[in-house]
Amino acid sequence: QLRLVESGGGLVQPGGSLRLSCAATGSSLDRYAVAWFRQAPGKEREGVARITSNSMTNYADSVKGRFTISRDNAKNMAYLQMNSLKPEDTAVYYCNARWIALEVWGQGTLVTVSS
């Protein structure tokens, strides 16, 4: 029953910032690990960041120091704060929630970094 909806994508200039949101409905998000993935045109889907149910985080080397993943269980939300954006960050960003054998994907939100 869990469903995820991403928002916050858009067009931003290099060096700018965006915050992506992942809203969960249908079930409590607190027991799920949450991850953000992205897929650029012509490239494979790439894991960007993840946060466990205990709020332990991991990041891809390409975004470490620039992106921050977080969650607010009281709001049933997860976020990806993206700073110092580069053109190579352009992609559709997807929210993913996983608990044991259960896995749910959002529909994605487009981030375009261009001047």
C-alpha atoms as a PDB file:
ATOM      1  CA  GLN A   1       0.000   0.000   0.000  1.00  0.00           C
ATOM      2  CA  LEU A   2       2.964   2.330   0.408  1.00  0.00           C
ATOM      3  CA  ARG A   3       3.176   4.930  -2.335  1.00  0.00           C
ATOM      4  CA  LEU A   4       5.857   7.521  -2.943  1.00  0.00           C
ATOM      5  CA  VAL A   5       5.580  10.847  -4.733  1.00  0.00           C
ATOM      6  CA  GLU A   6       8.610  13.010  -5.476  1.00  0.00           C
ATOM      7  CA  SER A   7       8.527  16.763  -5.884  1.00  0.00           C
ATOM      8  CA  GLY A   8      10.891  19.710  -5.985  1.00  0.00           C
ATOM      9  CA  GLY A   9      12.618  19.163  -9.295  1.00  0.00           C
ATOM     10  CA  GLY A  10      13.081  21.880 -11.850  1.00  0.00           C
ATOM     11  CA  LEU A  11      15.570  24.001 -13.743  1.00  0.00           C
ATOM     12  CA  VAL A  12      18.499  25.433 -11.804  1.00  0.00           C
ATOM     13  CA  GLN A  13      21.755  27.110 -12.795  1.00  0.00           C
ATOM     14  CA  PRO A  14      25.122  25.491 -12.107  1.00  0.00           C
ATOM     15  CA  GLY A  15      26.127  26.172  -8.526  1.00  0.00           C
ATOM     16  CA  GLY A  16      22.525  26.451  -7.424  1.00  0.00           C
ATOM     17  CA  SER A  17      20.501  24.381  -4.987  1.00  0.00           C
ATOM     18  CA  LEU A  18      17.315  22.357  -4.912  1.00  0.00           C
ATOM     19  CA  ARG A  19      15.562  20.309  -2.279  1.00  0.00           C
ATOM     20  CA  LEU A  20      13.701  17.228  -3.408  1.00  0.00           C
ATOM     21  CA  SER A  21      10.891  15.805  -1.317  1.00  0.00           C
ATOM     22  CA  CYS A  22       9.534  12.277  -1.135  1.00  0.00           C
ATOM     23  CA  ALA A  23       6.059  12.027   0.336  1.00  0.00           C
ATOM     24  CA  ALA A  24       4.868   8.628   1.530  1.00  0.00           C
ATOM     25  CA  THR A  25       1.222   7.637   1.755  1.00  0.00           C
ATOM     26  CA  GLY A  26      -0.628   4.445   2.533  1.00  0.00           C
ATOM     27  CA  SER A  27       1.766   3.239   5.215  1.00  0.00           C
ATOM     28  CA  SER A  28       4.231   4.534   7.762  1.00  0.00           C
ATOM     29  CA  LEU A  29       7.674   5.192   6.317  1.00  0.00           C
ATOM     30  CA  ASP A  30       9.549   4.801   9.591  1.00  0.00           C
ATOM     31  CA  ARG A  31      10.523   1.134   9.210  1.00  0.00           C
ATOM     32  CA  TYR A  32      11.779   1.592   5.634  1.00  0.00           C
ATOM     33  CA  ALA A  33      15.210   2.481   4.439  1.00  0.00           C
ATOM     34  CA  VAL A  34      14.948   5.307   1.903  1.00  0.00           C
ATOM     35  CA  ALA A  35      17.234   5.955  -1.032  1.00  0.00           C
ATOM     36  CA  TRP A  36      17.467   8.415  -3.870  1.00  0.00           C
ATOM     37  CA  PHE A  37      18.439   7.215  -7.325  1.00  0.00           C
ATOM     38  CA  ARG A  38      18.887   9.128 -10.540  1.00  0.00           C
ATOM     39  CA  GLN A  39      18.957   8.335 -14.215  1.00  0.00           C
ATOM     40  CA  ALA A  40      20.504  10.686 -16.737  1.00  0.00           C
ATOM     41  CA  PRO A  41      19.677  10.485 -20.453  1.00  0.00           C
ATOM     42  CA  GLY A  42      21.449   7.524 -22.021  1.00  0.00           C
ATOM     43  CA  LYS A  43      22.873   6.304 -18.714  1.00  0.00           C
ATOM     44  CA  GLU A  44      22.068   3.578 -16.215  1.00  0.00           C
ATOM     45  CA  ARG A  45      20.193   4.265 -13.018  1.00  0.00           C
ATOM     46  CA  GLU A  46      22.590   5.315 -10.277  1.00  0.00           C
ATOM     47  CA  GLY A  47      22.259   5.222  -6.516  1.00  0.00           C
ATOM     48  CA  VAL A  48      22.812   8.683  -5.050  1.00  0.00           C
ATOM     49  CA  ALA A  49      22.122   8.500  -1.329  1.00  0.00           C
ATOM     50  CA  ARG A  50      20.450   6.300   1.234  1.00  0.00           C
ATOM     51  CA  ILE A  51      19.242   6.607   4.789  1.00  0.00           C
ATOM     52  CA  THR A  52      18.312   3.736   7.074  1.00  0.00           C
ATOM     53  CA  SER A  53      15.432   3.551   9.496  1.00  0.00           C
ATOM     54  CA  ASN A  54      17.960   4.568  12.161  1.00  0.00           C
ATOM     55  CA  SER A  55      19.016   7.613  10.101  1.00  0.00           C
ATOM     56  CA  MET A  56      22.430   6.275   9.108  1.00  0.00           C
ATOM     57  CA  THR A  57      23.434   7.707   5.730  1.00  0.00           C
ATOM     58  CA  ASN A  58      25.588   6.825   2.744  1.00  0.00           C
ATOM     59  CA  TYR A  59      26.394   8.776  -0.415  1.00  0.00           C
ATOM     60  CA  ALA A  60      27.817   8.176  -3.825  1.00  0.00           C
ATOM     61  CA  ASP A  61      31.298   9.660  -4.168  1.00  0.00           C
ATOM     62  CA  SER A  62      30.065  11.951  -6.927  1.00  0.00           C
ATOM     63  CA  VAL A  63      27.680  13.780  -4.585  1.00  0.00           C
ATOM     64  CA  LYS A  64      29.347  13.465  -1.191  1.00  0.00           C
ATOM     65  CA  GLY A  65      29.798  16.864   0.396  1.00  0.00           C
ATOM     66  CA  ARG A  66      27.172  18.434  -1.852  1.00  0.00           C
ATOM     67  CA  PHE A  67      24.010  16.409  -1.211  1.00  0.00           C
ATOM     68  CA  THR A  68      22.321  15.593   2.087  1.00  0.00           C
ATOM     69  CA  ILE A  69      19.621  12.976   2.577  1.00  0.00           C
ATOM     70  CA  SER A  70      17.280  13.258   5.540  1.00  0.00           C
ATOM     71  CA  ARG A  71      13.948  12.027   6.791  1.00  0.00           C
ATOM     72  CA  ASP A  72      11.128  13.250   8.980  1.00  0.00           C
ATOM     73  CA  ASN A  73       9.157  10.267  10.194  1.00  0.00           C
ATOM     74  CA  ALA A  74       6.556  12.461  11.885  1.00  0.00           C
ATOM     75  CA  LYS A  75       5.720  13.916   8.463  1.00  0.00           C
ATOM     76  CA  ASN A  76       6.194  10.618   6.609  1.00  0.00           C
ATOM     77  CA  MET A  77       8.696  12.398   4.367  1.00  0.00           C
ATOM     78  CA  ALA A  78      12.226  12.066   3.072  1.00  0.00           C
ATOM     79  CA  TYR A  79      14.353  14.726   1.425  1.00  0.00           C
ATOM     80  CA  LEU A  80      17.401  15.254  -0.706  1.00  0.00           C
ATOM     81  CA  GLN A  81      19.090  18.625  -0.315  1.00  0.00           C
ATOM     82  CA  MET A  82      21.273  19.296  -3.355  1.00  0.00           C
ATOM     83  CA  ASN A  83      23.834  22.094  -3.273  1.00  0.00           C
ATOM     84  CA  SER A  84      26.560  23.209  -5.673  1.00  0.00           C
ATOM     85  CA  LEU A  85      24.736  21.559  -8.528  1.00  0.00           C
ATOM     86  CA  LYS A  86      26.614  20.644 -11.687  1.00  0.00           C
ATOM     87  CA  PRO A  87      25.337  19.996 -15.209  1.00  0.00           C
ATOM     88  CA  GLU A  88      26.207  16.321 -14.750  1.00  0.00           C
ATOM     89  CA  ASP A  89      23.635  16.162 -11.945  1.00  0.00           C
ATOM     90  CA  THR A  90      20.911  16.530 -14.565  1.00  0.00           C
ATOM     91  CA  ALA A  91      18.683  13.468 -14.308  1.00  0.00           C
ATOM     92  CA  VAL A  92      15.325  12.139 -13.261  1.00  0.00           C
ATOM     93  CA  TYR A  93      15.536  11.546  -9.525  1.00  0.00           C
ATOM     94  CA  TYR A  94      13.603   8.685  -7.947  1.00  0.00           C
ATOM     95  CA  CYS A  95      12.716   7.981  -4.343  1.00  0.00           C
ATOM     96  CA  ASN A  96      12.951   4.360  -3.210  1.00  0.00           C
ATOM     97  CA  ALA A  97      11.754   2.740   0.022  1.00  0.00           C
ATOM     98  CA  ARG A  98      12.787  -0.750   1.091  1.00  0.00           C
ATOM     99  CA  TRP A  99      11.840  -2.988   4.003  1.00  0.00           C
ATOM    100  CA  ILE A 100      12.935  -6.621   3.865  1.00  0.00           C
ATOM    101  CA  ALA A 101      11.345  -7.964   0.651  1.00  0.00           C
ATOM    102  CA  LEU A 102       9.158  -4.915   0.059  1.00  0.00           C
ATOM    103  CA  GLU A 103      10.363  -2.229  -2.328  1.00  0.00           C
ATOM    104  CA  VAL A 104       8.492   0.801  -3.615  1.00  0.00           C
ATOM    105  CA  TRP A 105       9.473   3.400  -6.217  1.00  0.00           C
ATOM    106  CA  GLY A 106       8.161   6.859  -6.890  1.00  0.00           C
ATOM    107  CA  GLN A 107       7.472   8.206 -10.354  1.00  0.00           C
ATOM    108  CA  GLY A 108      10.465  10.515 -10.420  1.00  0.00           C
ATOM    109  CA  THR A 109      11.106  14.237 -10.644  1.00  0.00           C
ATOM    110  CA  LEU A 110      13.267  15.901 -13.277  1.00  0.00           C
ATOM    111  CA  VAL A 111      16.254  18.006 -12.259  1.00  0.00           C
ATOM    112  CA  THR A 112      17.905  20.048 -14.994  1.00  0.00           C
ATOM    113  CA  VAL A 113      21.120  21.933 -14.231  1.00  0.00           C
ATOM    114  CA  SER A 114      21.854  24.356 -17.020  1.00  0.00           C
ATOM    115  CA  SER A 115      22.670  27.985 -17.658  1.00  0.00           C
END
